[in-house]
Amino acid sequence: MTNTKNTPQAQRSRNAQEPAREREPTREKEPTREPSSSGETEAEERPSPMEVLRQARGQLAELTGMAAESVSSFEQTEDGWALEIEVLELPRVPDTMSLMASYQVELDPRGQLTGYRRVRRYERGRADAHKPGGR
């Protein structure tokens, strides 16, 4: 038969019988990495392209109050990332008459939005005018 009392005196008695190293929780330290000259730790902090897309869409929606519908341009730059995001500015009926906008969005290397601006407004159902002779 075991002692089932959980009094402070019983706890002290049990603790006195246990070795000190078992009573204290052990914490494993994560090794600290020194930044290397090759930028190894910087590359580890850099988010993946899909994470950058998600962050950009979410941050733009939070700032403008308009949901991002698609990303039409995405590239990595020397200063971080550059995207062009299409948003619904004004819903209309029929949907092909809704007013859309393209926003140019800039993010730092960690994926944090550093700036945006609207570069174009258009009706959803309208295609860009075709210019003869190329672009």
N, C-alpha and C. Protein backbone atom coordinates (compact mmCIF):
# COMPACT_ATOMS: atom_id res chain seq x y z
N MET A 1 0.84 -1.17 0.00
CA MET A 1 0.00 0.00 0.00
C MET A 1 0.89 1.24 0.00
N THR A 2 0.52 2.22 -0.81
CA THR A 2 1.31 3.43 -0.92
C THR A 2 0.64 4.57 -0.18
N ASN A 3 1.44 5.54 0.16
CA ASN A 3 0.92 6.73 0.82
C ASN A 3 0.27 7.62 -0.22
N THR A 4 -1.02 7.86 -0.11
CA THR A 4 -1.72 8.68 -1.09
C THR A 4 -1.94 10.09 -0.61
N LYS A 5 -1.40 10.43 0.54
CA LYS A 5 -1.56 11.79 1.05
C LYS A 5 -0.73 12.74 0.22
N ASN A 6 -1.29 13.88 -0.07
CA ASN A 6 -0.59 14.90 -0.86
C ASN A 6 -0.42 16.16 -0.02
N THR A 7 0.02 15.97 1.20
CA THR A 7 0.23 17.10 2.09
C THR A 7 1.58 17.73 1.80
N PRO A 8 1.79 18.98 2.21
CA PRO A 8 3.09 19.61 2.00
C PRO A 8 4.22 18.81 2.65
N GLN A 9 3.93 18.20 3.80
CA GLN A 9 4.96 17.41 4.48
C GLN A 9 5.31 16.17 3.66
N ALA A 10 4.30 15.52 3.06
CA ALA A 10 4.56 14.33 2.24
C ALA A 10 5.33 14.72 0.99
N GLN A 11 5.02 15.88 0.39
CA GLN A 11 5.74 16.33 -0.80
C GLN A 11 7.19 16.61 -0.50
N ARG A 12 7.44 17.28 0.66
CA ARG A 12 8.83 17.56 1.04
C ARG A 12 9.60 16.26 1.25
N SER A 13 8.94 15.30 1.83
CA SER A 13 9.60 14.02 2.10
C SER A 13 9.96 13.33 0.79
N ARG A 14 9.03 13.32 -0.17
CA ARG A 14 9.30 12.69 -1.47
C ARG A 14 10.41 13.44 -2.20
N ASN A 15 10.37 14.78 -2.18
CA ASN A 15 11.37 15.58 -2.87
C ASN A 15 12.75 15.38 -2.28
N ALA A 16 12.82 15.18 -0.98
CA ALA A 16 14.12 14.98 -0.34
C ALA A 16 14.74 13.67 -0.77
N GLN A 17 13.92 12.69 -1.15
CA GLN A 17 14.43 11.39 -1.57
C GLN A 17 14.88 11.40 -3.02
N GLU A 18 14.36 12.29 -3.84
CA GLU A 18 14.72 12.36 -5.25
C GLU A 18 16.04 13.09 -5.42
N PRO A 19 16.87 12.65 -6.35
CA PRO A 19 18.10 13.38 -6.62
C PRO A 19 17.78 14.78 -7.16
N ALA A 20 18.65 15.73 -6.91
CA ALA A 20 18.43 17.13 -7.28
C ALA A 20 18.23 17.29 -8.78
N ARG A 21 18.95 16.54 -9.58
CA ARG A 21 18.83 16.72 -11.03
C ARG A 21 17.49 16.27 -11.58
N GLU A 22 16.78 15.40 -10.88
CA GLU A 22 15.47 14.96 -11.34
C GLU A 22 14.39 15.95 -10.97
N ARG A 23 14.60 16.70 -9.90
CA ARG A 23 13.59 17.66 -9.46
C ARG A 23 13.53 18.88 -10.35
N GLU A 24 14.66 19.33 -10.87
CA GLU A 24 14.70 20.52 -11.70
C GLU A 24 14.49 20.14 -13.15
N PRO A 25 13.56 20.81 -13.83
CA PRO A 25 13.37 20.50 -15.25
C PRO A 25 14.61 20.90 -16.04
N THR A 26 14.97 20.05 -16.95
CA THR A 26 16.14 20.34 -17.77
C THR A 26 15.68 20.97 -19.06
N ARG A 27 16.39 21.96 -19.50
CA ARG A 27 16.08 22.64 -20.76
C ARG A 27 17.25 22.48 -21.69
N GLU A 28 16.95 22.02 -22.87
CA GLU A 28 18.01 21.91 -23.86
C GLU A 28 18.15 23.24 -24.55
N LYS A 29 19.35 23.73 -24.59
CA LYS A 29 19.61 24.99 -25.27
C LYS A 29 19.74 24.74 -26.76
N GLU A 30 19.12 25.62 -27.53
CA GLU A 30 19.32 25.56 -28.97
C GLU A 30 20.64 26.22 -29.29
N PRO A 31 21.40 25.60 -30.17
CA PRO A 31 22.69 26.20 -30.50
C PRO A 31 22.50 27.56 -31.16
N THR A 32 23.30 28.51 -30.73
CA THR A 32 23.23 29.83 -31.36
C THR A 32 24.14 29.83 -32.56
N ARG A 33 23.69 30.48 -33.60
CA ARG A 33 24.48 30.53 -34.82
C ARG A 33 25.06 31.91 -34.98
N GLU A 34 26.29 31.94 -35.27
CA GLU A 34 26.96 33.19 -35.56
C GLU A 34 26.70 33.55 -37.02
N PRO A 35 26.39 34.79 -37.32
CA PRO A 35 26.20 35.16 -38.72
C PRO A 35 27.50 34.94 -39.49
N SER A 36 27.37 34.28 -40.61
CA SER A 36 28.56 34.05 -41.42
C SER A 36 28.67 35.14 -42.47
N SER A 37 29.85 35.28 -43.01
CA SER A 37 30.05 36.31 -44.02
C SER A 37 29.32 35.97 -45.31
N SER A 38 28.93 34.69 -45.48
CA SER A 38 28.23 34.30 -46.70
C SER A 38 26.75 34.62 -46.64
N GLY A 39 26.27 35.12 -45.49
CA GLY A 39 24.85 35.48 -45.37
C GLY A 39 23.96 34.29 -45.11
N GLU A 40 24.52 33.20 -44.56
CA GLU A 40 23.77 31.98 -44.34
C GLU A 40 22.56 32.20 -43.44
N THR A 41 22.72 32.92 -42.31
CA THR A 41 21.59 33.13 -41.41
C THR A 41 20.57 34.08 -42.02
N GLU A 42 21.01 35.00 -42.84
CA GLU A 42 20.07 35.90 -43.53
C GLU A 42 19.17 35.12 -44.47
N ALA A 43 19.74 34.12 -45.17
CA ALA A 43 18.95 33.31 -46.08
C ALA A 43 17.93 32.48 -45.32
N GLU A 44 18.28 32.04 -44.10
CA GLU A 44 17.34 31.27 -43.31
C GLU A 44 16.16 32.11 -42.86
N GLU A 45 16.35 33.42 -42.64
CA GLU A 45 15.28 34.30 -42.20
C GLU A 45 14.38 34.71 -43.36
N ARG A 46 14.86 34.60 -44.57
CA ARG A 46 14.09 35.01 -45.74
C ARG A 46 12.94 34.04 -45.96
N PRO A 47 11.73 34.55 -46.07
CA PRO A 47 10.56 33.68 -46.29
C PRO A 47 10.55 33.11 -47.70
N SER A 48 9.81 32.04 -47.87
CA SER A 48 9.66 31.44 -49.19
C SER A 48 8.79 32.35 -50.06
N PRO A 49 8.85 32.18 -51.37
CA PRO A 49 8.01 33.00 -52.25
C PRO A 49 6.51 32.90 -51.93
N MET A 50 6.03 31.71 -51.60
CA MET A 50 4.61 31.57 -51.27
C MET A 50 4.26 32.32 -49.99
N GLU A 51 5.15 32.31 -49.02
CA GLU A 51 4.91 33.07 -47.79
C GLU A 51 4.87 34.56 -48.09
N VAL A 52 5.75 35.01 -48.97
CA VAL A 52 5.77 36.43 -49.36
C VAL A 52 4.46 36.80 -50.03
N LEU A 53 3.96 35.95 -50.93
CA LEU A 53 2.69 36.23 -51.60
C LEU A 53 1.55 36.35 -50.59
N ARG A 54 1.48 35.41 -49.67
CA ARG A 54 0.42 35.44 -48.66
C ARG A 54 0.51 36.70 -47.79
N GLN A 55 1.73 37.02 -47.36
CA GLN A 55 1.93 38.21 -46.51
C GLN A 55 1.54 39.48 -47.26
N ALA A 56 1.96 39.58 -48.52
CA ALA A 56 1.67 40.78 -49.31
C ALA A 56 0.17 40.97 -49.49
N ARG A 57 -0.52 39.89 -49.84
CA ARG A 57 -1.97 39.98 -50.03
C ARG A 57 -2.67 40.39 -48.74
N GLY A 58 -2.28 39.76 -47.64
CA GLY A 58 -2.90 40.07 -46.35
C GLY A 58 -2.62 41.49 -45.89
N GLN A 59 -1.38 41.94 -46.04
CA GLN A 59 -1.03 43.28 -45.59
C GLN A 59 -1.71 44.35 -46.43
N LEU A 60 -1.78 44.14 -47.75
CA LEU A 60 -2.45 45.12 -48.62
C LEU A 60 -3.94 45.18 -48.29
N ALA A 61 -4.55 44.03 -48.08
CA ALA A 61 -5.98 43.99 -47.73
C ALA A 61 -6.23 44.71 -46.41
N GLU A 62 -5.34 44.53 -45.45
CA GLU A 62 -5.50 45.18 -44.15
C GLU A 62 -5.37 46.70 -44.28
N LEU A 63 -4.45 47.16 -45.11
CA LEU A 63 -4.24 48.60 -45.26
C LEU A 63 -5.32 49.28 -46.09
N THR A 64 -5.78 48.63 -47.15
CA THR A 64 -6.73 49.27 -48.06
C THR A 64 -8.18 48.91 -47.76
N GLY A 65 -8.39 47.80 -47.06
CA GLY A 65 -9.76 47.35 -46.81
C GLY A 65 -10.36 46.63 -48.01
N MET A 66 -9.53 46.34 -49.01
CA MET A 66 -10.01 45.65 -50.21
C MET A 66 -9.29 44.32 -50.35
N ALA A 67 -10.05 43.28 -50.66
CA ALA A 67 -9.47 41.94 -50.78
C ALA A 67 -8.69 41.80 -52.08
N ALA A 68 -7.53 41.19 -51.97
CA ALA A 68 -6.72 40.91 -53.16
C ALA A 68 -7.34 39.74 -53.91
N GLU A 69 -7.51 39.91 -55.22
CA GLU A 69 -8.08 38.84 -56.02
C GLU A 69 -7.01 37.97 -56.67
N SER A 70 -5.93 38.60 -57.11
CA SER A 70 -4.86 37.83 -57.74
C SER A 70 -3.56 38.62 -57.71
N VAL A 71 -2.47 37.90 -57.96
CA VAL A 71 -1.16 38.52 -58.08
C VAL A 71 -0.77 38.37 -59.54
N SER A 72 -0.60 39.50 -60.24
CA SER A 72 -0.31 39.45 -61.67
C SER A 72 1.17 39.59 -61.98
N SER A 73 1.97 40.00 -60.99
CA SER A 73 3.40 40.15 -61.20
C SER A 73 4.10 39.92 -59.87
N PHE A 74 5.24 39.21 -59.91
CA PHE A 74 5.95 38.89 -58.69
C PHE A 74 7.42 38.68 -59.02
N GLU A 75 8.29 39.44 -58.33
CA GLU A 75 9.72 39.25 -58.56
C GLU A 75 10.53 39.63 -57.34
N GLN A 76 11.69 38.99 -57.21
CA GLN A 76 12.62 39.31 -56.14
C GLN A 76 13.54 40.41 -56.65
N THR A 77 13.76 41.42 -55.82
CA THR A 77 14.61 42.54 -56.20
C THR A 77 15.80 42.61 -55.24
N GLU A 78 16.69 43.55 -55.49
CA GLU A 78 17.83 43.75 -54.59
C GLU A 78 17.37 44.20 -53.21
N ASP A 79 16.25 44.94 -53.16
CA ASP A 79 15.75 45.49 -51.90
C ASP A 79 14.69 44.63 -51.24
N GLY A 80 14.30 43.51 -51.85
CA GLY A 80 13.27 42.66 -51.28
C GLY A 80 12.43 42.00 -52.36
N TRP A 81 11.17 42.43 -52.44
CA TRP A 81 10.22 41.84 -53.38
C TRP A 81 9.37 42.94 -54.00
N ALA A 82 8.93 42.72 -55.25
CA ALA A 82 8.02 43.64 -55.93
C ALA A 82 6.88 42.81 -56.52
N LEU A 83 5.65 43.25 -56.27
CA LEU A 83 4.47 42.54 -56.75
C LEU A 83 3.49 43.52 -57.36
N GLU A 84 2.63 43.00 -58.21
CA GLU A 84 1.48 43.75 -58.68
C GLU A 84 0.27 42.91 -58.33
N ILE A 85 -0.63 43.50 -57.55
CA ILE A 85 -1.78 42.77 -57.02
C ILE A 85 -3.06 43.41 -57.54
N GLU A 86 -3.98 42.55 -58.00
CA GLU A 86 -5.27 43.01 -58.51
C GLU A 86 -6.29 42.93 -57.38
N VAL A 87 -7.03 44.02 -57.18
CA VAL A 87 -8.06 44.07 -56.14
C VAL A 87 -9.39 44.54 -56.73
N LEU A 88 -10.47 44.14 -56.07
CA LEU A 88 -11.81 44.58 -56.43
C LEU A 88 -12.08 45.87 -55.67
N GLU A 89 -12.17 46.99 -56.40
CA GLU A 89 -12.41 48.28 -55.75
C GLU A 89 -13.88 48.59 -55.58
N LEU A 90 -14.68 48.25 -56.58
CA LEU A 90 -16.11 48.58 -56.53
C LEU A 90 -16.92 47.48 -57.22
N PRO A 91 -17.62 46.67 -56.43
CA PRO A 91 -18.44 45.61 -57.06
C PRO A 91 -19.66 46.21 -57.74
N ARG A 92 -19.97 45.69 -58.93
CA ARG A 92 -21.14 46.14 -59.69
C ARG A 92 -21.87 44.94 -60.26
N VAL A 93 -23.09 45.17 -60.68
CA VAL A 93 -23.88 44.13 -61.34
C VAL A 93 -24.13 44.59 -62.76
N PRO A 94 -23.79 43.80 -63.75
CA PRO A 94 -23.18 42.48 -63.66
C PRO A 94 -21.71 42.58 -63.23
N ASP A 95 -21.16 41.44 -62.80
CA ASP A 95 -19.80 41.39 -62.26
C ASP A 95 -18.76 41.88 -63.27
N THR A 96 -19.03 41.72 -64.56
CA THR A 96 -18.07 42.16 -65.58
C THR A 96 -17.90 43.67 -65.60
N MET A 97 -18.79 44.41 -64.92
CA MET A 97 -18.69 45.86 -64.87
C MET A 97 -18.03 46.35 -63.57
N SER A 98 -17.65 45.41 -62.69
CA SER A 98 -17.00 45.78 -61.44
C SER A 98 -15.70 46.53 -61.71
N LEU A 99 -15.39 47.47 -60.83
CA LEU A 99 -14.19 48.27 -60.98
C LEU A 99 -13.03 47.60 -60.26
N MET A 100 -11.96 47.30 -61.01
CA MET A 100 -10.77 46.63 -60.49
C MET A 100 -9.61 47.63 -60.44
N ALA A 101 -8.58 47.28 -59.70
CA ALA A 101 -7.38 48.12 -59.64
C ALA A 101 -6.15 47.24 -59.50
N SER A 102 -5.05 47.71 -60.09
CA SER A 102 -3.75 47.06 -59.92
C SER A 102 -2.93 47.91 -58.96
N TYR A 103 -2.37 47.25 -57.96
CA TYR A 103 -1.51 47.92 -56.99
C TYR A 103 -0.10 47.38 -57.10
N GLN A 104 0.85 48.29 -57.17
CA GLN A 104 2.26 47.91 -57.13
C GLN A 104 2.64 47.90 -55.65
N VAL A 105 3.18 46.76 -55.20
CA VAL A 105 3.49 46.56 -53.79
C VAL A 105 4.97 46.23 -53.65
N GLU A 106 5.62 46.88 -52.68
CA GLU A 106 7.03 46.61 -52.41
C GLU A 106 7.17 46.07 -50.99
N LEU A 107 8.00 45.03 -50.85
CA LEU A 107 8.24 44.41 -49.55
C LEU A 107 9.73 44.31 -49.30
N ASP A 108 10.10 44.31 -48.01
CA ASP A 108 11.50 44.15 -47.65
C ASP A 108 11.88 42.66 -47.78
N PRO A 109 13.14 42.31 -47.59
CA PRO A 109 13.55 40.90 -47.75
C PRO A 109 12.81 39.92 -46.83
N ARG A 110 12.29 40.40 -45.69
CA ARG A 110 11.56 39.53 -44.77
C ARG A 110 10.08 39.40 -45.12
N GLY A 111 9.64 40.13 -46.15
CA GLY A 111 8.25 40.05 -46.57
C GLY A 111 7.33 41.07 -45.94
N GLN A 112 7.89 42.09 -45.30
CA GLN A 112 7.07 43.14 -44.69
C GLN A 112 6.83 44.26 -45.71
N LEU A 113 5.59 44.67 -45.84
CA LEU A 113 5.23 45.70 -46.81
C LEU A 113 5.90 47.02 -46.46
N THR A 114 6.57 47.60 -47.45
CA THR A 114 7.24 48.88 -47.24
C THR A 114 6.58 50.00 -48.04
N GLY A 115 5.75 49.65 -49.01
CA GLY A 115 5.06 50.68 -49.78
C GLY A 115 4.13 50.05 -50.81
N TYR A 116 3.12 50.83 -51.21
CA TYR A 116 2.22 50.40 -52.28
C TYR A 116 1.63 51.62 -52.95
N ARG A 117 1.19 51.43 -54.20
CA ARG A 117 0.48 52.51 -54.90
C ARG A 117 -0.39 51.90 -56.00
N ARG A 118 -1.51 52.57 -56.24
CA ARG A 118 -2.39 52.11 -57.31
C ARG A 118 -1.80 52.59 -58.63
N VAL A 119 -1.67 51.67 -59.58
CA VAL A 119 -1.08 52.03 -60.87
C VAL A 119 -2.08 51.96 -62.02
N ARG A 120 -3.26 51.38 -61.77
CA ARG A 120 -4.23 51.25 -62.86
C ARG A 120 -5.61 50.93 -62.31
N ARG A 121 -6.65 51.49 -62.93
CA ARG A 121 -8.05 51.13 -62.64
C ARG A 121 -8.70 50.72 -63.94
N TYR A 122 -9.58 49.71 -63.87
CA TYR A 122 -10.22 49.21 -65.08
C TYR A 122 -11.47 48.42 -64.72
N GLU A 123 -12.35 48.26 -65.70
CA GLU A 123 -13.53 47.44 -65.50
C GLU A 123 -13.13 45.98 -65.71
N ARG A 124 -13.67 45.10 -64.89
CA ARG A 124 -13.29 43.69 -64.93
C ARG A 124 -13.46 43.08 -66.32
N GLY A 125 -14.50 43.45 -67.02
CA GLY A 125 -14.78 42.83 -68.32
C GLY A 125 -13.99 43.41 -69.48
N ARG A 126 -13.17 44.40 -69.27
CA ARG A 126 -12.43 45.06 -70.36
C ARG A 126 -10.99 44.56 -70.44
N ALA A 127 -10.57 44.25 -71.64
CA ALA A 127 -9.19 43.86 -71.86
C ALA A 127 -8.36 45.11 -72.16
N ASP A 128 -7.05 45.02 -71.94
CA ASP A 128 -6.19 46.13 -72.32
C ASP A 128 -6.26 46.33 -73.82
N ALA A 129 -6.13 47.57 -74.25
CA ALA A 129 -6.15 47.89 -75.69
C ALA A 129 -4.89 47.27 -76.32
N HIS A 130 -5.09 46.61 -77.45
CA HIS A 130 -3.96 46.01 -78.16
C HIS A 130 -3.29 47.08 -79.01
N LYS A 131 -1.99 47.20 -78.86
CA LYS A 131 -1.24 48.18 -79.63
C LYS A 131 -0.53 47.47 -80.77
N PRO A 132 -0.74 47.91 -81.99
CA PRO A 132 -0.08 47.27 -83.13
C PRO A 132 1.43 47.45 -83.03
N GLY A 133 2.14 46.44 -83.47
CA GLY A 133 3.58 46.54 -83.51
C GLY A 133 4.27 46.13 -82.23
N GLY A 134 3.62 45.35 -81.41
CA GLY A 134 4.30 44.85 -80.19
C GLY A 134 3.64 45.32 -78.92
N ARG A 135 4.46 45.53 -77.95
CA ARG A 135 3.99 45.83 -76.59
C ARG A 135 3.39 47.18 -76.54
